[in-house]
Amino acid sequence: MSELKRLIGVVEATRDEADAIAGPQPDWMDRAAYATWSENRSKAQDHLKEALLEAGAKFNARPAVDFAIRLGGIRSTSTSGIEGAVGNWLAAARKRLEKEA
């Protein structure tokens, strides 16, 4: 298995774990549920970052501008935070993997 394919699996599994930690986003009108979800989402983002750092990722954040991840020779950014950057990284990695096949 190629290293890139392995990394895609690691990132997908880690993202799924983070999604499970955060849980579904409640209606913002339910303030107590939304506050709990917001705390869980913050924990999920921390989990995502820590797990990907262990996998060799490098991060760069410029608040209110963008968030970047570099892993496996692929760099992706997003203005919507770590979740967006990870999603963009997965898309780029899958595209590169198709080209390598």
C-alpha atoms as a PDB file:
ATOM      1  CA  MET A   1       0.000   0.000   0.000  1.00  0.00           C
ATOM      2  CA  SER A   2       1.329   3.405  -0.859  1.00  0.00           C
ATOM      3  CA  GLU A   3       2.162   5.860   1.896  1.00  0.00           C
ATOM      4  CA  LEU A   4      -0.397   8.323   0.545  1.00  0.00           C
ATOM      5  CA  LYS A   5      -3.158   5.702   0.647  1.00  0.00           C
ATOM      6  CA  ARG A   6      -2.218   4.903   4.257  1.00  0.00           C
ATOM      7  CA  LEU A   7      -2.295   8.591   5.199  1.00  0.00           C
ATOM      8  CA  ILE A   8      -5.713   9.028   3.596  1.00  0.00           C
ATOM      9  CA  GLY A   9      -6.987   6.197   5.782  1.00  0.00           C
ATOM     10  CA  VAL A  10      -5.466   7.746   8.904  1.00  0.00           C
ATOM     11  CA  VAL A  11      -6.952  11.170   8.138  1.00  0.00           C
ATOM     12  CA  GLU A  12     -10.398   9.736   7.334  1.00  0.00           C
ATOM     13  CA  ALA A  13     -10.458   7.671  10.540  1.00  0.00           C
ATOM     14  CA  THR A  14      -9.299  10.618  12.621  1.00  0.00           C
ATOM     15  CA  ARG A  15     -11.888  12.916  11.053  1.00  0.00           C
ATOM     16  CA  ASP A  16     -14.608  10.337  11.784  1.00  0.00           C
ATOM     17  CA  GLU A  17     -13.463  10.134  15.416  1.00  0.00           C
ATOM     18  CA  ALA A  18     -13.600  13.928  15.702  1.00  0.00           C
ATOM     19  CA  ASP A  19     -17.096  13.982  14.175  1.00  0.00           C
ATOM     20  CA  ALA A  20     -18.220  11.426  16.753  1.00  0.00           C
ATOM     21  CA  ILE A  21     -16.761  13.513  19.590  1.00  0.00           C
ATOM     22  CA  ALA A  22     -18.558  16.663  18.407  1.00  0.00           C
ATOM     23  CA  GLY A  23     -21.849  14.950  17.619  1.00  0.00           C
ATOM     24  CA  PRO A  24     -24.553  16.470  15.468  1.00  0.00           C
ATOM     25  CA  GLN A  25     -24.972  20.217  15.565  1.00  0.00           C
ATOM     26  CA  PRO A  26     -28.162  21.152  17.392  1.00  0.00           C
ATOM     27  CA  ASP A  27     -30.462  24.018  16.568  1.00  0.00           C
ATOM     28  CA  TRP A  28     -28.798  27.184  17.801  1.00  0.00           C
ATOM     29  CA  MET A  29     -32.060  28.203  19.473  1.00  0.00           C
ATOM     30  CA  ASP A  30     -31.503  25.406  22.003  1.00  0.00           C
ATOM     31  CA  ARG A  31     -28.820  27.381  23.769  1.00  0.00           C
ATOM     32  CA  ALA A  32     -27.858  24.743  26.333  1.00  0.00           C
ATOM     33  CA  ALA A  33     -27.488  22.012  23.705  1.00  0.00           C
ATOM     34  CA  TYR A  34     -25.619  24.395  21.402  1.00  0.00           C
ATOM     35  CA  ALA A  35     -23.212  25.379  24.202  1.00  0.00           C
ATOM     36  CA  THR A  36     -22.518  21.713  24.950  1.00  0.00           C
ATOM     37  CA  TRP A  37     -22.003  20.971  21.257  1.00  0.00           C
ATOM     38  CA  SER A  38     -19.664  23.948  20.948  1.00  0.00           C
ATOM     39  CA  GLU A  39     -17.513  22.606  23.794  1.00  0.00           C
ATOM     40  CA  ASN A  40     -17.524  19.130  22.238  1.00  0.00           C
ATOM     41  CA  ARG A  41     -16.603  20.605  18.852  1.00  0.00           C
ATOM     42  CA  SER A  42     -13.619  22.345  20.407  1.00  0.00           C
ATOM     43  CA  LYS A  43     -12.513  19.022  21.957  1.00  0.00           C
ATOM     44  CA  ALA A  44     -13.005  17.337  18.585  1.00  0.00           C
ATOM     45  CA  GLN A  45     -10.819  19.926  16.852  1.00  0.00           C
ATOM     46  CA  ASP A  46      -8.108  19.420  19.471  1.00  0.00           C
ATOM     47  CA  HIS A  47      -8.335  15.640  18.983  1.00  0.00           C
ATOM     48  CA  LEU A  48      -8.113  16.027  15.212  1.00  0.00           C
ATOM     49  CA  LYS A  49      -5.057  18.258  15.429  1.00  0.00           C
ATOM     50  CA  GLU A  50      -3.237  16.109  18.002  1.00  0.00           C
ATOM     51  CA  ALA A  51      -3.855  12.860  16.109  1.00  0.00           C
ATOM     52  CA  LEU A  52      -2.707  14.348  12.818  1.00  0.00           C
ATOM     53  CA  LEU A  53       0.383  15.841  14.432  1.00  0.00           C
ATOM     54  CA  GLU A  54       1.237  12.311  15.579  1.00  0.00           C
ATOM     55  CA  ALA A  55       0.810  11.171  11.963  1.00  0.00           C
ATOM     56  CA  GLY A  56       3.362  13.782  10.863  1.00  0.00           C
ATOM     57  CA  ALA A  57       1.139  16.698   9.875  1.00  0.00           C
ATOM     58  CA  LYS A  58       2.293  20.276  10.155  1.00  0.00           C
ATOM     59  CA  PHE A  59      -0.221  23.053  10.760  1.00  0.00           C
ATOM     60  CA  ASN A  60      -0.203  26.782  10.203  1.00  0.00           C
ATOM     61  CA  ALA A  61      -3.053  28.960  11.378  1.00  0.00           C
ATOM     62  CA  ARG A  62      -3.602  32.612  10.658  1.00  0.00           C
ATOM     63  CA  PRO A  63      -6.736  33.490  12.617  1.00  0.00           C
ATOM     64  CA  ALA A  64      -9.463  35.085  10.518  1.00  0.00           C
ATOM     65  CA  VAL A  65      -7.469  34.323   7.351  1.00  0.00           C
ATOM     66  CA  ASP A  66      -6.862  30.620   6.852  1.00  0.00           C
ATOM     67  CA  PHE A  67      -5.769  27.323   8.313  1.00  0.00           C
ATOM     68  CA  ALA A  68      -3.225  25.111   6.546  1.00  0.00           C
ATOM     69  CA  ILE A  69      -2.205  21.479   6.837  1.00  0.00           C
ATOM     70  CA  ARG A  70       0.810  19.798   5.271  1.00  0.00           C
ATOM     71  CA  LEU A  71       1.022  16.021   5.291  1.00  0.00           C
ATOM     72  CA  GLY A  72       2.488  13.507   2.878  1.00  0.00           C
ATOM     73  CA  GLY A  73       3.805  16.220   0.587  1.00  0.00           C
ATOM     74  CA  ILE A  74       0.376  17.807   0.150  1.00  0.00           C
ATOM     75  CA  ARG A  75      -0.528  21.235   1.503  1.00  0.00           C
ATOM     76  CA  SER A  76      -4.120  22.389   1.760  1.00  0.00           C
ATOM     77  CA  THR A  77      -5.724  25.467   3.252  1.00  0.00           C
ATOM     78  CA  SER A  78      -9.179  26.599   4.230  1.00  0.00           C
ATOM     79  CA  THR A  79     -10.761  29.742   5.576  1.00  0.00           C
ATOM     80  CA  SER A  80     -13.180  27.580   7.597  1.00  0.00           C
ATOM     81  CA  GLY A  81     -10.649  26.173  10.060  1.00  0.00           C
ATOM     82  CA  ILE A  82      -9.088  22.797  10.617  1.00  0.00           C
ATOM     83  CA  GLU A  83     -12.129  20.835   9.428  1.00  0.00           C
ATOM     84  CA  GLY A  84     -12.120  22.599   6.079  1.00  0.00           C
ATOM     85  CA  ALA A  85      -8.359  22.255   5.644  1.00  0.00           C
ATOM     86  CA  VAL A  86      -8.539  18.529   6.427  1.00  0.00           C
ATOM     87  CA  GLY A  87     -11.400  18.081   3.965  1.00  0.00           C
ATOM     88  CA  ASN A  88      -9.438  19.933   1.288  1.00  0.00           C
ATOM     89  CA  TRP A  89      -6.365  17.829   2.069  1.00  0.00           C
ATOM     90  CA  LEU A  90      -8.376  14.638   1.607  1.00  0.00           C
ATOM     91  CA  ALA A  91      -9.695  15.843  -1.757  1.00  0.00           C
ATOM     92  CA  ALA A  92      -6.183  16.756  -2.941  1.00  0.00           C
ATOM     93  CA  ALA A  93      -4.709  13.485  -1.663  1.00  0.00           C
ATOM     94  CA  ARG A  94      -7.379  11.412  -3.422  1.00  0.00           C
ATOM     95  CA  LYS A  95      -6.756  13.335  -6.633  1.00  0.00           C
ATOM     96  CA  ARG A  96      -3.011  12.722  -6.403  1.00  0.00           C
ATOM     97  CA  LEU A  97      -3.600   9.042  -5.624  1.00  0.00           C
ATOM     98  CA  GLU A  98      -5.726   8.702  -8.784  1.00  0.00           C
ATOM     99  CA  LYS A  99      -2.922  10.232 -10.843  1.00  0.00           C
ATOM    100  CA  GLU A 100      -0.405   7.798  -9.344  1.00  0.00           C
ATOM    101  CA  ALA A 101      -2.553   4.775 -10.232  1.00  0.00           C
END
